[in-house]
């Protein structure tokens, strides 16, 4: 029986701020397998502590929703499983949830061990039981611990009891990386190619139809608008294509995405896009100096090769209205 009341490990986690977690990730990311390195960074950008804490600590969460102009599904507690679907490590997610909960129950004095080391212990346990390298499950183990901090023991325990659908992809991490990074780039003399050269933007690697076509030099948001398939049943914000959008000028923040494959095939970030991402609160400390960070605004991201992206389930203005 897994305890669902607050325990020492959860109290330990609640002392950790986003800055603390940023330092933990800086230590962990180099050890995470390349197939999930960027996916891990994207997840922590998609689910910042500030959002969850603001909602949970407010007397009236509706005021927070209005303050941050939140739209879409911004509650992590109702999408614990779906939030990790784009990870290669998602196939180990049930084991990760159970291991995190068991670790939390047994950790009597967690303050004596750095959080980074405890996450490695959790990943090591999962890796041993599933007979896989620790690097393959390290990223999603960090996500499991952050999920515990944000949603609590009860919610994570309920999620652990559910029989979530498992990825049927039998490819190895190396095969996934090869497919994801099959760039199709124009190269040094790409300007000599025809202006209508087309590329593939994958927005759901788990589905054979989870791609859209992008003309060379076209921004991802505009390319999405030409996809006539109906995505509104999946997300009411997707009124035209797989990427939600309203303004297509960087004003609304609806079209933010995570880029975990082919990021070098997207135009470099401009100072304008960087300012807008900071305004919306979508950036992380690690991305301040990157020319091709893992979080982008689709309307500002022109495509010059194949890319793989993931679309977040919500949008808002976390930092611009403080």
C-alpha atoms as a PDB file:
ATOM      1  CA  UNK A   1       0.000   0.000   0.000  1.00  0.00           C
ATOM      2  CA  UNK A   2       1.455   3.357  -1.062  1.00  0.00           C
ATOM      3  CA  UNK A   3       0.990   6.195   1.397  1.00  0.00           C
ATOM      4  CA  UNK A   4      -0.942   9.138  -0.041  1.00  0.00           C
ATOM      5  CA  UNK A   5      -0.472  11.569   2.811  1.00  0.00           C
ATOM      6  CA  UNK A   6       2.324  14.114   2.868  1.00  0.00           C
ATOM      7  CA  UNK A   7       5.654  12.506   3.746  1.00  0.00           C
ATOM      8  CA  UNK A   8       9.229  13.603   4.349  1.00  0.00           C
ATOM      9  CA  UNK A   9      10.230  13.358   0.697  1.00  0.00           C
ATOM     10  CA  UNK A  10       7.344  15.527  -0.497  1.00  0.00           C
ATOM     11  CA  UNK A  11       8.134  18.115   2.193  1.00  0.00           C
ATOM     12  CA  UNK A  12      11.748  18.037   0.999  1.00  0.00           C
ATOM     13  CA  UNK A  13      10.662  18.610  -2.599  1.00  0.00           C
ATOM     14  CA  UNK A  14       8.441  21.544  -1.726  1.00  0.00           C
ATOM     15  CA  UNK A  15      11.511  23.463  -0.574  1.00  0.00           C
ATOM     16  CA  UNK A  16      12.893  23.374  -4.105  1.00  0.00           C
ATOM     17  CA  UNK A  17      12.331  26.392  -6.333  1.00  0.00           C
ATOM     18  CA  UNK A  18      12.553  26.646 -10.108  1.00  0.00           C
ATOM     19  CA  UNK A  19      16.107  27.953  -9.670  1.00  0.00           C
ATOM     20  CA  UNK A  20      16.950  24.853  -7.629  1.00  0.00           C
ATOM     21  CA  UNK A  21      15.502  22.606 -10.302  1.00  0.00           C
ATOM     22  CA  UNK A  22      17.413  24.483 -12.992  1.00  0.00           C
ATOM     23  CA  UNK A  23      20.649  23.628 -11.210  1.00  0.00           C
ATOM     24  CA  UNK A  24      19.553  20.001 -10.830  1.00  0.00           C
ATOM     25  CA  UNK A  25      18.835  19.764 -14.560  1.00  0.00           C
ATOM     26  CA  UNK A  26      22.192  21.290 -15.444  1.00  0.00           C
ATOM     27  CA  UNK A  27      23.800  18.367 -13.626  1.00  0.00           C
ATOM     28  CA  UNK A  28      21.443  15.706 -14.994  1.00  0.00           C
ATOM     29  CA  UNK A  29      21.033  16.626 -18.652  1.00  0.00           C
ATOM     30  CA  UNK A  30      24.559  15.630 -19.779  1.00  0.00           C
ATOM     31  CA  UNK A  31      23.880  12.123 -18.399  1.00  0.00           C
ATOM     32  CA  UNK A  32      20.483  11.754 -20.107  1.00  0.00           C
ATOM     33  CA  UNK A  33      20.453   9.760 -23.331  1.00  0.00           C
ATOM     34  CA  UNK A  34      20.378  12.045 -26.375  1.00  0.00           C
ATOM     35  CA  UNK A  35      16.972  10.703 -27.374  1.00  0.00           C
ATOM     36  CA  UNK A  36      15.366  12.408 -24.350  1.00  0.00           C
ATOM     37  CA  UNK A  37      17.772  15.218 -23.470  1.00  0.00           C
ATOM     38  CA  UNK A  38      15.780  17.924 -25.225  1.00  0.00           C
ATOM     39  CA  UNK A  39      12.451  16.278 -24.393  1.00  0.00           C
ATOM     40  CA  UNK A  40      13.325  16.623 -20.708  1.00  0.00           C
ATOM     41  CA  UNK A  41      14.167  20.304 -21.073  1.00  0.00           C
ATOM     42  CA  UNK A  42      10.938  20.861 -23.014  1.00  0.00           C
ATOM     43  CA  UNK A  43       8.843  19.202 -20.308  1.00  0.00           C
ATOM     44  CA  UNK A  44      10.272  21.420 -17.598  1.00  0.00           C
ATOM     45  CA  UNK A  45       9.542  24.467 -19.760  1.00  0.00           C
ATOM     46  CA  UNK A  46       5.991  23.281 -20.434  1.00  0.00           C
ATOM     47  CA  UNK A  47       5.295  22.709 -16.717  1.00  0.00           C
ATOM     48  CA  UNK A  48       6.945  25.472 -14.664  1.00  0.00           C
ATOM     49  CA  UNK A  49       6.558  25.437 -10.902  1.00  0.00           C
ATOM     50  CA  UNK A  50       5.291  29.008 -10.994  1.00  0.00           C
ATOM     51  CA  UNK A  51       2.150  27.966 -12.827  1.00  0.00           C
ATOM     52  CA  UNK A  52       1.227  25.102 -10.514  1.00  0.00           C
ATOM     53  CA  UNK A  53       2.049  26.981  -7.325  1.00  0.00           C
ATOM     54  CA  UNK A  54       0.064  30.025  -8.413  1.00  0.00           C
ATOM     55  CA  UNK A  55      -2.993  27.863  -9.092  1.00  0.00           C
ATOM     56  CA  UNK A  56      -2.705  25.773  -5.924  1.00  0.00           C
ATOM     57  CA  UNK A  57      -1.986  28.650  -3.544  1.00  0.00           C
ATOM     58  CA  UNK A  58      -4.693  30.978  -4.806  1.00  0.00           C
ATOM     59  CA  UNK A  59      -7.929  31.304  -2.822  1.00  0.00           C
ATOM     60  CA  UNK A  60      -9.706  31.582  -6.161  1.00  0.00           C
ATOM     61  CA  UNK A  61      -7.799  29.884  -9.030  1.00  0.00           C
ATOM     62  CA  UNK A  62     -10.074  31.642 -11.506  1.00  0.00           C
ATOM     63  CA  UNK A  63      -8.297  34.876 -10.654  1.00  0.00           C
ATOM     64  CA  UNK A  64      -4.969  33.271 -11.586  1.00  0.00           C
ATOM     65  CA  UNK A  65      -6.457  32.066 -14.861  1.00  0.00           C
ATOM     66  CA  UNK A  66      -7.509  35.626 -15.678  1.00  0.00           C
ATOM     67  CA  UNK A  67      -4.255  37.139 -14.456  1.00  0.00           C
ATOM     68  CA  UNK A  68      -2.120  34.827 -16.577  1.00  0.00           C
ATOM     69  CA  UNK A  69      -4.600  34.760 -19.499  1.00  0.00           C
ATOM     70  CA  UNK A  70      -4.481  30.982 -19.407  1.00  0.00           C
ATOM     71  CA  UNK A  71      -6.092  29.021 -22.209  1.00  0.00           C
ATOM     72  CA  UNK A  72      -6.135  25.322 -23.018  1.00  0.00           C
ATOM     73  CA  UNK A  73      -5.473  22.537 -20.506  1.00  0.00           C
ATOM     74  CA  UNK A  74      -3.014  24.014 -18.012  1.00  0.00           C
ATOM     75  CA  UNK A  75      -3.593  21.572 -15.116  1.00  0.00           C
ATOM     76  CA  UNK A  76      -0.848  18.990 -14.888  1.00  0.00           C
ATOM     77  CA  UNK A  77      -2.849  16.852 -12.464  1.00  0.00           C
ATOM     78  CA  UNK A  78      -5.279  15.829 -15.219  1.00  0.00           C
ATOM     79  CA  UNK A  79      -2.571  14.956 -17.741  1.00  0.00           C
ATOM     80  CA  UNK A  80       0.166  13.266 -15.750  1.00  0.00           C
ATOM     81  CA  UNK A  81       0.405  10.526 -18.378  1.00  0.00           C
ATOM     82  CA  UNK A  82      -0.265  12.495 -21.557  1.00  0.00           C
ATOM     83  CA  UNK A  83       2.357  15.099 -20.611  1.00  0.00           C
ATOM     84  CA  UNK A  84       5.161  12.578 -21.271  1.00  0.00           C
ATOM     85  CA  UNK A  85       3.866  10.928 -24.420  1.00  0.00           C
ATOM     86  CA  UNK A  86       6.590  12.438 -26.620  1.00  0.00           C
ATOM     87  CA  UNK A  87       9.404  10.913 -24.532  1.00  0.00           C
ATOM     88  CA  UNK A  88      11.194   7.807 -25.700  1.00  0.00           C
ATOM     89  CA  UNK A  89      11.199   6.965 -22.001  1.00  0.00           C
ATOM     90  CA  UNK A  90       7.395   7.013 -21.936  1.00  0.00           C
ATOM     91  CA  UNK A  91       7.501   3.239 -22.420  1.00  0.00           C
ATOM     92  CA  UNK A  92       8.986   3.050 -18.901  1.00  0.00           C
ATOM     93  CA  UNK A  93       6.612   5.608 -17.357  1.00  0.00           C
ATOM     94  CA  UNK A  94       4.474   3.129 -15.354  1.00  0.00           C
ATOM     95  CA  UNK A  95       7.624   1.751 -13.718  1.00  0.00           C
ATOM     96  CA  UNK A  96       8.917   5.272 -13.096  1.00  0.00           C
ATOM     97  CA  UNK A  97       5.709   6.333 -11.321  1.00  0.00           C
ATOM     98  CA  UNK A  98       5.748   3.292  -9.071  1.00  0.00           C
ATOM     99  CA  UNK A  99       9.439   3.726  -8.292  1.00  0.00           C
ATOM    100  CA  UNK A 100       9.061   7.416  -7.446  1.00  0.00           C
ATOM    101  CA  UNK A 101       6.210   6.633  -5.082  1.00  0.00           C
ATOM    102  CA  UNK A 102       8.069   3.770  -3.408  1.00  0.00           C
ATOM    103  CA  UNK A 103      11.180   5.927  -3.044  1.00  0.00           C
ATOM    104  CA  UNK A 104       9.123   8.760  -1.528  1.00  0.00           C
ATOM    105  CA  UNK A 105       7.597   6.373   1.002  1.00  0.00           C
ATOM    106  CA  UNK A 106      10.973   5.046   2.166  1.00  0.00           C
ATOM    107  CA  UNK A 107      12.958   8.309   2.208  1.00  0.00           C
ATOM    108  CA  UNK A 108      13.026   9.201   5.909  1.00  0.00           C
ATOM    109  CA  UNK A 109      15.704  11.917   5.840  1.00  0.00           C
ATOM    110  CA  UNK A 110      15.988  13.107   2.219  1.00  0.00           C
ATOM    111  CA  UNK A 111      17.600  16.423   3.225  1.00  0.00           C
ATOM    112  CA  UNK A 112      20.920  14.637   3.653  1.00  0.00           C
ATOM    113  CA  UNK A 113      21.215  13.768  -0.054  1.00  0.00           C
ATOM    114  CA  UNK A 114      21.147  16.209  -2.996  1.00  0.00           C
ATOM    115  CA  UNK A 115      18.021  15.924  -5.130  1.00  0.00           C
ATOM    116  CA  UNK A 116      20.079  15.223  -8.241  1.00  0.00           C
ATOM    117  CA  UNK A 117      21.591  12.156  -6.588  1.00  0.00           C
ATOM    118  CA  UNK A 118      18.199  10.883  -5.422  1.00  0.00           C
ATOM    119  CA  UNK A 119      16.824  11.166  -8.960  1.00  0.00           C
ATOM    120  CA  UNK A 120      19.761   9.101 -10.167  1.00  0.00           C
ATOM    121  CA  UNK A 121      18.937   6.482  -7.543  1.00  0.00           C
ATOM    122  CA  UNK A 122      15.355   6.299  -8.789  1.00  0.00           C
ATOM    123  CA  UNK A 123      16.510   6.001 -12.398  1.00  0.00           C
ATOM    124  CA  UNK A 124      19.008   3.334 -11.416  1.00  0.00           C
ATOM    125  CA  UNK A 125      16.248   1.252  -9.851  1.00  0.00           C
ATOM    126  CA  UNK A 126      14.061   1.535 -12.948  1.00  0.00           C
ATOM    127  CA  UNK A 127      16.994   0.738 -15.236  1.00  0.00           C
ATOM    128  CA  UNK A 128      17.928  -2.380 -13.253  1.00  0.00           C
ATOM    129  CA  UNK A 129      14.387  -3.760 -13.295  1.00  0.00           C
ATOM    130  CA  UNK A 130      13.856  -3.041 -16.997  1.00  0.00           C
ATOM    131  CA  UNK A 131      17.397  -3.998 -18.024  1.00  0.00           C
ATOM    132  CA  UNK A 132      18.100  -0.758 -19.857  1.00  0.00           C
ATOM    133  CA  UNK A 133      20.852   1.864 -19.505  1.00  0.00           C
ATOM    134  CA  UNK A 134      20.217   4.381 -16.745  1.00  0.00           C
ATOM    135  CA  UNK A 135      20.626   7.210 -19.265  1.00  0.00           C
ATOM    136  CA  UNK A 136      17.465   6.087 -21.079  1.00  0.00           C
ATOM    137  CA  UNK A 137      15.261   6.534 -17.998  1.00  0.00           C
ATOM    138  CA  UNK A 138      17.083   9.377 -16.237  1.00  0.00           C
ATOM    139  CA  UNK A 139      15.159  12.189 -17.927  1.00  0.00           C
ATOM    140  CA  UNK A 140      11.729  10.744 -17.366  1.00  0.00           C
ATOM    141  CA  UNK A 141      12.691   9.878 -13.768  1.00  0.00           C
ATOM    142  CA  UNK A 142      13.401  13.577 -13.179  1.00  0.00           C
ATOM    143  CA  UNK A 143       9.976  14.325 -14.641  1.00  0.00           C
ATOM    144  CA  UNK A 144       8.411  11.789 -12.289  1.00  0.00           C
ATOM    145  CA  UNK A 145       9.914  13.512  -9.266  1.00  0.00           C
ATOM    146  CA  UNK A 146       8.782  16.942 -10.468  1.00  0.00           C
ATOM    147  CA  UNK A 147       5.307  15.507 -11.078  1.00  0.00           C
ATOM    148  CA  UNK A 148       5.246  14.368  -7.451  1.00  0.00           C
ATOM    149  CA  UNK A 149       6.198  17.860  -6.318  1.00  0.00           C
ATOM    150  CA  UNK A 150       3.529  19.515  -8.452  1.00  0.00           C
ATOM    151  CA  UNK A 151       0.552  17.152  -8.244  1.00  0.00           C
ATOM    152  CA  UNK A 152       1.152  15.435  -4.890  1.00  0.00           C
ATOM    153  CA  UNK A 153       1.187  11.847  -3.695  1.00  0.00           C
ATOM    154  CA  UNK A 154      -2.525  11.188  -4.092  1.00  0.00           C
ATOM    155  CA  UNK A 155      -2.714  12.215  -7.752  1.00  0.00           C
ATOM    156  CA  UNK A 156       0.499  10.452  -8.705  1.00  0.00           C
ATOM    157  CA  UNK A 157      -0.631   7.302  -6.885  1.00  0.00           C
ATOM    158  CA  UNK A 158      -3.929   7.350  -8.789  1.00  0.00           C
ATOM    159  CA  UNK A 159      -2.041   7.768 -12.053  1.00  0.00           C
ATOM    160  CA  UNK A 160       0.225   4.861 -11.129  1.00  0.00           C
ATOM    161  CA  UNK A 161      -2.778   2.583 -10.676  1.00  0.00           C
ATOM    162  CA  UNK A 162      -4.142   3.317 -14.139  1.00  0.00           C
ATOM    163  CA  UNK A 163      -3.230   1.088 -17.037  1.00  0.00           C
ATOM    164  CA  UNK A 164      -2.015   3.710 -19.466  1.00  0.00           C
ATOM    165  CA  UNK A 165      -1.532   2.726 -23.104  1.00  0.00           C
ATOM    166  CA  UNK A 166       2.077   1.845 -23.875  1.00  0.00           C
ATOM    167  CA  UNK A 167       4.013   3.020 -26.934  1.00  0.00           C
ATOM    168  CA  UNK A 168       4.138   0.304 -29.576  1.00  0.00           C
ATOM    169  CA  UNK A 169       7.255   1.725 -31.221  1.00  0.00           C
ATOM    170  CA  UNK A 170       9.902  -0.989 -31.042  1.00  0.00           C
ATOM    171  CA  UNK A 171      12.764   1.153 -32.344  1.00  0.00           C
ATOM    172  CA  UNK A 172      15.925   1.637 -30.326  1.00  0.00           C
ATOM    173  CA  UNK A 173      16.875   5.111 -29.067  1.00  0.00           C
ATOM    174  CA  UNK A 174      19.509   5.315 -31.793  1.00  0.00           C
ATOM    175  CA  UNK A 175      16.957   4.493 -34.495  1.00  0.00           C
ATOM    176  CA  UNK A 176      14.586   7.153 -33.191  1.00  0.00           C
ATOM    177  CA  UNK A 177      17.371   9.731 -33.174  1.00  0.00           C
ATOM    178  CA  UNK A 178      18.385   8.841 -36.724  1.00  0.00           C
ATOM    179  CA  UNK A 179      14.830   9.236 -37.987  1.00  0.00           C
ATOM    180  CA  UNK A 180      14.275  12.440 -36.027  1.00  0.00           C
ATOM    181  CA  UNK A 181      17.455  14.034 -37.306  1.00  0.00           C
ATOM    182  CA  UNK A 182      17.128  13.038 -40.958  1.00  0.00           C
ATOM    183  CA  UNK A 183      17.358  16.710 -41.693  1.00  0.00           C
ATOM    184  CA  UNK A 184      16.764  17.152 -45.391  1.00  0.00           C
ATOM    185  CA  UNK A 185      18.594  20.433 -45.084  1.00  0.00           C
ATOM    186  CA  UNK A 186      19.352  22.605 -48.140  1.00  0.00           C
ATOM    187  CA  UNK A 187      22.992  22.848 -47.035  1.00  0.00           C
ATOM    188  CA  UNK A 188      25.509  25.603 -47.689  1.00  0.00           C
ATOM    189  CA  UNK A 189      24.139  26.314 -51.170  1.00  0.00           C
ATOM    190  CA  UNK A 190      20.506  25.880 -50.247  1.00  0.00           C
ATOM    191  CA  UNK A 191      19.607  29.230 -51.802  1.00  0.00           C
ATOM    192  CA  UNK A 192      20.152  27.639 -55.223  1.00  0.00           C
ATOM    193  CA  UNK A 193      17.248  25.249 -54.667  1.00  0.00           C
ATOM    194  CA  UNK A 194      13.773  26.057 -55.816  1.00  0.00           C
ATOM    195  CA  UNK A 195      11.821  28.366 -53.546  1.00  0.00           C
ATOM    196  CA  UNK A 196       9.009  25.822 -53.208  1.00  0.00           C
ATOM    197  CA  UNK A 197      11.150  23.033 -51.790  1.00  0.00           C
ATOM    198  CA  UNK A 198       9.081  21.236 -49.144  1.00  0.00           C
ATOM    199  CA  UNK A 199       9.999  19.702 -45.834  1.00  0.00           C
ATOM    200  CA  UNK A 200       8.293  17.672 -43.157  1.00  0.00           C
ATOM    201  CA  UNK A 201       7.373  18.988 -39.700  1.00  0.00           C
ATOM    202  CA  UNK A 202       6.454  16.154 -37.335  1.00  0.00           C
ATOM    203  CA  UNK A 203       4.162  17.208 -34.498  1.00  0.00           C
ATOM    204  CA  UNK A 204       3.295  13.711 -33.212  1.00  0.00           C
ATOM    205  CA  UNK A 205       5.910  10.979 -33.620  1.00  0.00           C
ATOM    206  CA  UNK A 206       3.510   8.331 -32.349  1.00  0.00           C
ATOM    207  CA  UNK A 207       1.199   8.637 -35.379  1.00  0.00           C
ATOM    208  CA  UNK A 208       1.989   7.947 -39.038  1.00  0.00           C
ATOM    209  CA  UNK A 209      -0.129  10.974 -39.985  1.00  0.00           C
ATOM    210  CA  UNK A 210       1.416  13.225 -37.337  1.00  0.00           C
ATOM    211  CA  UNK A 211       3.217  15.389 -39.860  1.00  0.00           C
ATOM    212  CA  UNK A 212       2.579  18.488 -41.944  1.00  0.00           C
ATOM    213  CA  UNK A 213       4.299  19.924 -44.995  1.00  0.00           C
ATOM    214  CA  UNK A 214       6.338  23.123 -44.837  1.00  0.00           C
ATOM    215  CA  UNK A 215       7.584  25.130 -47.798  1.00  0.00           C
ATOM    216  CA  UNK A 216      11.185  26.272 -47.594  1.00  0.00           C
ATOM    217  CA  UNK A 217      11.370  29.531 -45.651  1.00  0.00           C
ATOM    218  CA  UNK A 218       7.778  29.293 -44.427  1.00  0.00           C
ATOM    219  CA  UNK A 219       7.127  29.745 -40.721  1.00  0.00           C
ATOM    220  CA  UNK A 220       5.668  26.779 -38.860  1.00  0.00           C
ATOM    221  CA  UNK A 221       2.496  28.612 -37.855  1.00  0.00           C
ATOM    222  CA  UNK A 222       1.664  29.507 -41.450  1.00  0.00           C
ATOM    223  CA  UNK A 223       2.399  25.955 -42.575  1.00  0.00           C
ATOM    224  CA  UNK A 224       0.026  24.703 -39.882  1.00  0.00           C
ATOM    225  CA  UNK A 225      -2.753  26.953 -41.160  1.00  0.00           C
ATOM    226  CA  UNK A 226      -2.640  25.190 -44.540  1.00  0.00           C
ATOM    227  CA  UNK A 227      -3.268  21.796 -42.926  1.00  0.00           C
ATOM    228  CA  UNK A 228      -6.997  21.305 -43.485  1.00  0.00           C
ATOM    229  CA  UNK A 229      -7.466  18.342 -41.158  1.00  0.00           C
ATOM    230  CA  UNK A 230      -9.733  18.843 -38.141  1.00  0.00           C
ATOM    231  CA  UNK A 231      -7.783  19.037 -34.875  1.00  0.00           C
ATOM    232  CA  UNK A 232     -10.430  20.800 -32.778  1.00  0.00           C
ATOM    233  CA  UNK A 233     -11.578  17.544 -31.161  1.00  0.00           C
ATOM    234  CA  UNK A 234      -8.060  17.103 -29.774  1.00  0.00           C
ATOM    235  CA  UNK A 235      -7.726  20.725 -28.649  1.00  0.00           C
ATOM    236  CA  UNK A 236     -10.318  23.524 -29.120  1.00  0.00           C
ATOM    237  CA  UNK A 237      -7.453  25.987 -29.600  1.00  0.00           C
ATOM    238  CA  UNK A 238      -6.463  24.195 -32.815  1.00  0.00           C
ATOM    239  CA  UNK A 239      -8.898  25.998 -35.056  1.00  0.00           C
ATOM    240  CA  UNK A 240      -6.627  25.841 -38.104  1.00  0.00           C
ATOM    241  CA  UNK A 241      -4.044  23.087 -38.169  1.00  0.00           C
ATOM    242  CA  UNK A 242      -2.133  21.216 -35.459  1.00  0.00           C
ATOM    243  CA  UNK A 243      -0.506  24.336 -33.937  1.00  0.00           C
ATOM    244  CA  UNK A 244      -2.833  26.731 -32.053  1.00  0.00           C
ATOM    245  CA  UNK A 245      -2.520  30.324 -33.261  1.00  0.00           C
ATOM    246  CA  UNK A 246      -4.334  33.639 -33.188  1.00  0.00           C
ATOM    247  CA  UNK A 247      -2.189  36.559 -34.275  1.00  0.00           C
ATOM    248  CA  UNK A 248       0.763  35.045 -36.193  1.00  0.00           C
ATOM    249  CA  UNK A 249       2.815  38.099 -35.262  1.00  0.00           C
ATOM    250  CA  UNK A 250       4.307  37.106 -31.890  1.00  0.00           C
ATOM    251  CA  UNK A 251       1.686  39.029 -29.932  1.00  0.00           C
ATOM    252  CA  UNK A 252      -0.406  36.235 -28.413  1.00  0.00           C
ATOM    253  CA  UNK A 253       1.951  33.372 -27.515  1.00  0.00           C
ATOM    254  CA  UNK A 254      -0.563  30.748 -28.618  1.00  0.00           C
ATOM    255  CA  UNK A 255       1.830  29.130 -31.074  1.00  0.00           C
ATOM    256  CA  UNK A 256       4.713  28.228 -28.769  1.00  0.00           C
ATOM    257  CA  UNK A 257       6.184  24.785 -29.346  1.00  0.00           C
ATOM    258  CA  UNK A 258       9.035  22.599 -28.158  1.00  0.00           C
ATOM    259  CA  UNK A 259      11.584  21.605 -30.809  1.00  0.00           C
ATOM    260  CA  UNK A 260      13.369  18.331 -30.108  1.00  0.00           C
ATOM    261  CA  UNK A 261      14.547  17.380 -33.570  1.00  0.00           C
ATOM    262  CA  UNK A 262      16.114  19.449 -36.338  1.00  0.00           C
ATOM    263  CA  UNK A 263      16.239  22.699 -34.367  1.00  0.00           C
ATOM    264  CA  UNK A 264      19.155  23.827 -36.559  1.00  0.00           C
ATOM    265  CA  UNK A 265      16.742  23.681 -39.518  1.00  0.00           C
ATOM    266  CA  UNK A 266      14.751  26.578 -38.082  1.00  0.00           C
ATOM    267  CA  UNK A 267      15.781  30.194 -38.470  1.00  0.00           C
ATOM    268  CA  UNK A 268      17.827  31.569 -35.554  1.00  0.00           C
ATOM    269  CA  UNK A 269      15.937  33.310 -32.773  1.00  0.00           C
ATOM    270  CA  UNK A 270      15.633  37.054 -33.248  1.00  0.00           C
ATOM    271  CA  UNK A 271      15.804  39.605 -30.410  1.00  0.00           C
ATOM    272  CA  UNK A 272      12.071  40.218 -30.904  1.00  0.00           C
ATOM    273  CA  UNK A 273      11.178  36.533 -30.443  1.00  0.00           C
ATOM    274  CA  UNK A 274      13.430  36.303 -27.402  1.00  0.00           C
ATOM    275  CA  UNK A 275      11.682  39.269 -25.788  1.00  0.00           C
ATOM    276  CA  UNK A 276       8.244  37.810 -26.495  1.00  0.00           C
ATOM    277  CA  UNK A 277       9.154  34.392 -25.081  1.00  0.00           C
ATOM    278  CA  UNK A 278      10.363  36.045 -21.900  1.00  0.00           C
ATOM    279  CA  UNK A 279       7.162  38.093 -21.703  1.00  0.00           C
ATOM    280  CA  UNK A 280       5.060  34.958 -21.885  1.00  0.00           C
ATOM    281  CA  UNK A 281       7.313  33.182 -19.379  1.00  0.00           C
ATOM    282  CA  UNK A 282       8.142  30.355 -21.764  1.00  0.00           C
ATOM    283  CA  UNK A 283      11.919  30.547 -21.584  1.00  0.00           C
ATOM    284  CA  UNK A 284      14.403  28.943 -19.227  1.00  0.00           C
ATOM    285  CA  UNK A 285      17.678  30.294 -17.893  1.00  0.00           C
ATOM    286  CA  UNK A 286      19.618  27.886 -20.109  1.00  0.00           C
ATOM    287  CA  UNK A 287      18.067  29.253 -23.321  1.00  0.00           C
ATOM    288  CA  UNK A 288      18.961  32.929 -22.834  1.00  0.00           C
ATOM    289  CA  UNK A 289      22.049  32.766 -25.036  1.00  0.00           C
ATOM    290  CA  UNK A 290      21.038  29.996 -27.445  1.00  0.00           C
ATOM    291  CA  UNK A 291      20.461  30.873 -31.089  1.00  0.00           C
ATOM    292  CA  UNK A 292      18.294  27.770 -31.565  1.00  0.00           C
ATOM    293  CA  UNK A 293      16.665  27.060 -28.172  1.00  0.00           C
ATOM    294  CA  UNK A 294      14.231  24.247 -27.501  1.00  0.00           C
ATOM    295  CA  UNK A 295      11.222  26.583 -27.048  1.00  0.00           C
ATOM    296  CA  UNK A 296      10.106  28.679 -30.014  1.00  0.00           C
ATOM    297  CA  UNK A 297       7.201  30.738 -31.288  1.00  0.00           C
ATOM    298  CA  UNK A 298       5.995  28.996 -34.449  1.00  0.00           C
ATOM    299  CA  UNK A 299       5.093  32.245 -36.167  1.00  0.00           C
ATOM    300  CA  UNK A 300       8.692  33.427 -35.809  1.00  0.00           C
ATOM    301  CA  UNK A 301      10.316  30.132 -36.828  1.00  0.00           C
ATOM    302  CA  UNK A 302      11.004  29.769 -40.528  1.00  0.00           C
ATOM    303  CA  UNK A 303      11.725  26.244 -41.690  1.00  0.00           C
ATOM    304  CA  UNK A 304      14.658  25.155 -43.876  1.00  0.00           C
ATOM    305  CA  UNK A 305      14.626  21.413 -43.210  1.00  0.00           C
ATOM    306  CA  UNK A 306      12.784  18.615 -41.465  1.00  0.00           C
ATOM    307  CA  UNK A 307      11.861  19.239 -37.819  1.00  0.00           C
ATOM    308  CA  UNK A 308      10.178  17.416 -34.942  1.00  0.00           C
ATOM    309  CA  UNK A 309       8.102  19.477 -32.538  1.00  0.00           C
ATOM    310  CA  UNK A 310       5.710  18.985 -29.644  1.00  0.00           C
ATOM    311  CA  UNK A 311       2.723  21.266 -29.059  1.00  0.00           C
ATOM    312  CA  UNK A 312       1.957  22.270 -25.449  1.00  0.00           C
ATOM    313  CA  UNK A 313      -1.586  21.910 -24.139  1.00  0.00           C
ATOM    314  CA  UNK A 314      -1.880  25.479 -22.842  1.00  0.00           C
ATOM    315  CA  UNK A 315      -0.718  29.046 -23.337  1.00  0.00           C
ATOM    316  CA  UNK A 316      -0.681  32.194 -21.245  1.00  0.00           C
ATOM    317  CA  UNK A 317       1.319  35.146 -19.948  1.00  0.00           C
ATOM    318  CA  UNK A 318       3.238  34.072 -16.847  1.00  0.00           C
ATOM    319  CA  UNK A 319       5.899  36.768 -16.581  1.00  0.00           C
ATOM    320  CA  UNK A 320       4.627  39.810 -18.449  1.00  0.00           C
ATOM    321  CA  UNK A 321       1.929  40.603 -15.896  1.00  0.00           C
ATOM    322  CA  UNK A 322       3.884  40.360 -12.631  1.00  0.00           C
END
